[in-house]
Protein backbone atom coordinates (compact mmCIF):
# COMPACT_ATOMS: atom_id res chain seq x y z
CA MET A 1 83.34 117.17 99.80
CA LYS A 2 82.22 117.34 96.19
CA ASN A 3 84.87 115.11 94.57
CA THR A 4 84.10 111.56 95.60
CA LEU A 5 84.31 108.32 93.66
CA GLY A 6 80.54 108.55 93.31
CA ASP A 7 80.96 111.92 91.57
CA LEU A 8 83.58 110.40 89.28
CA ASN A 9 81.16 107.61 88.42
CA ASN A 10 78.51 110.20 87.51
CA HIS A 11 80.96 112.10 85.28
CA LEU A 12 82.00 108.91 83.50
CA PHE A 13 78.40 107.93 82.76
CA ALA A 14 77.60 111.48 81.59
CA GLN A 15 80.51 111.29 79.13
CA LEU A 16 79.36 107.86 77.98
CA GLU A 17 75.93 109.33 77.25
CA LYS A 18 77.55 112.13 75.22
CA LEU A 19 79.41 109.57 73.13
CA GLY A 20 76.15 107.74 72.50
CA ASP A 21 74.59 110.86 70.96
CA ASP A 22 73.74 109.96 67.35
CA ASP A 23 73.78 113.65 66.40
CA LEU A 24 77.55 113.92 66.98
CA THR A 25 79.43 113.88 63.70
CA GLY A 26 82.83 114.75 62.34
CA GLU A 27 84.64 117.39 64.33
CA GLU A 28 82.22 117.26 67.29
CA LEU A 29 82.68 113.50 67.61
CA GLU A 30 86.46 113.81 67.35
CA SER A 31 86.42 116.47 70.08
CA GLU A 32 84.33 114.27 72.38
CA LEU A 33 86.63 111.30 71.76
CA LYS A 34 89.67 113.39 72.76
CA ARG A 35 87.79 114.62 75.82
CA THR A 36 86.89 111.03 76.70
CA ASP A 37 90.53 109.96 76.46
CA ALA A 38 91.55 112.77 78.82
CA ILE A 39 88.76 111.94 81.26
CA CYS A 40 89.77 108.26 81.25
CA ASP A 41 93.42 109.12 81.92
CA ILE A 42 92.54 111.36 84.85
CA SER A 43 89.96 108.89 86.16
CA GLU A 44 92.56 106.15 86.24
CA GLN A 45 94.79 108.26 88.48
CA ILE A 46 91.88 109.19 90.75
CA ILE A 47 90.95 105.52 91.12
CA LYS A 48 94.57 104.60 91.93
CA ASN A 49 94.59 107.34 94.57
CA GLY A 50 91.35 105.99 96.03
CA GLU A 51 92.83 102.48 96.15
CA LEU A 52 95.86 103.81 98.02
CA GLN A 53 93.64 105.62 100.54
CA TYR A 54 91.58 102.47 101.00
CA LYS A 55 94.70 100.38 101.62
CA ALA A 56 95.91 102.95 104.16
CA MET A 57 92.54 102.81 105.92
CA LYS A 58 92.66 99.00 106.05
CA HIS A 59 96.20 99.16 107.42
CA MET A 60 95.05 101.55 110.18
CA ASP A 61 92.17 99.20 111.03
CA GLU A 62 94.49 96.22 111.21
CA TYR A 63 97.36 97.79 113.13
CA GLY A 64 95.60 100.60 114.98
CA TYR A 65 96.06 104.31 114.91
CA GLU A 66 95.92 106.81 117.76
CA ARG A 67 93.55 109.40 116.34
CA GLN A 68 89.89 108.79 115.54
CA LYS A 69 89.56 106.46 112.58
CA ALA A 70 87.74 108.05 109.72
CA VAL A 71 87.09 107.28 106.11
CA PRO A 72 89.12 109.54 103.77
CA GLU A 73 86.77 112.17 102.34
CA MET A 74 87.30 110.92 98.79
CA LEU A 75 85.93 107.51 99.74
CA GLU A 76 82.89 108.80 101.59
CA VAL A 77 79.53 107.40 100.69
CA HIS A 78 76.25 108.62 102.04
CA ALA A 79 74.70 106.23 104.49
CA GLY A 80 71.08 106.11 105.59
CA GLY A 81 69.65 109.49 106.47
CA GLY A 82 71.99 111.33 104.09
CA ARG A 83 74.93 111.27 106.50
CA THR A 84 78.41 110.27 105.47
CA ILE A 85 80.24 107.49 107.24
CA ASN A 86 82.50 110.06 108.96
CA GLU A 87 79.44 111.94 110.25
CA ARG A 88 77.97 108.70 111.58
CA LEU A 89 81.28 107.83 113.30
CA ALA A 90 81.43 111.28 114.91
CA ARG A 91 77.85 110.99 116.13
CA ARG A 92 78.49 107.50 117.52
CA ASN A 93 81.58 108.75 119.36
CA ASP A 94 79.58 111.67 120.78
CA CYS A 95 76.92 109.25 122.05
CA LEU A 96 79.54 106.99 123.60
CA ALA A 97 81.20 109.94 125.33
CA ALA A 98 77.91 111.16 126.83
């Protein structure tokens, strides 16, 4: 999945760098400020959604769930070897089943 919280973090820092450009003046700066406001508004909703998914995952861990537990794709981070947590869980389950 391409839209993770890590990707959001990268977009936010890229926009911060644009705002730090000393060559931006007048209309260009105003345009970037409006873009920044929009990005911040959307980011806030994405973060709230991530928090909700995280709470749901914690709830499943605490109270159990019948299907294989997996990290929601949005919350995936790449673990050692470039694999996501879900890929590592799937591999572990395959090894346990063998």
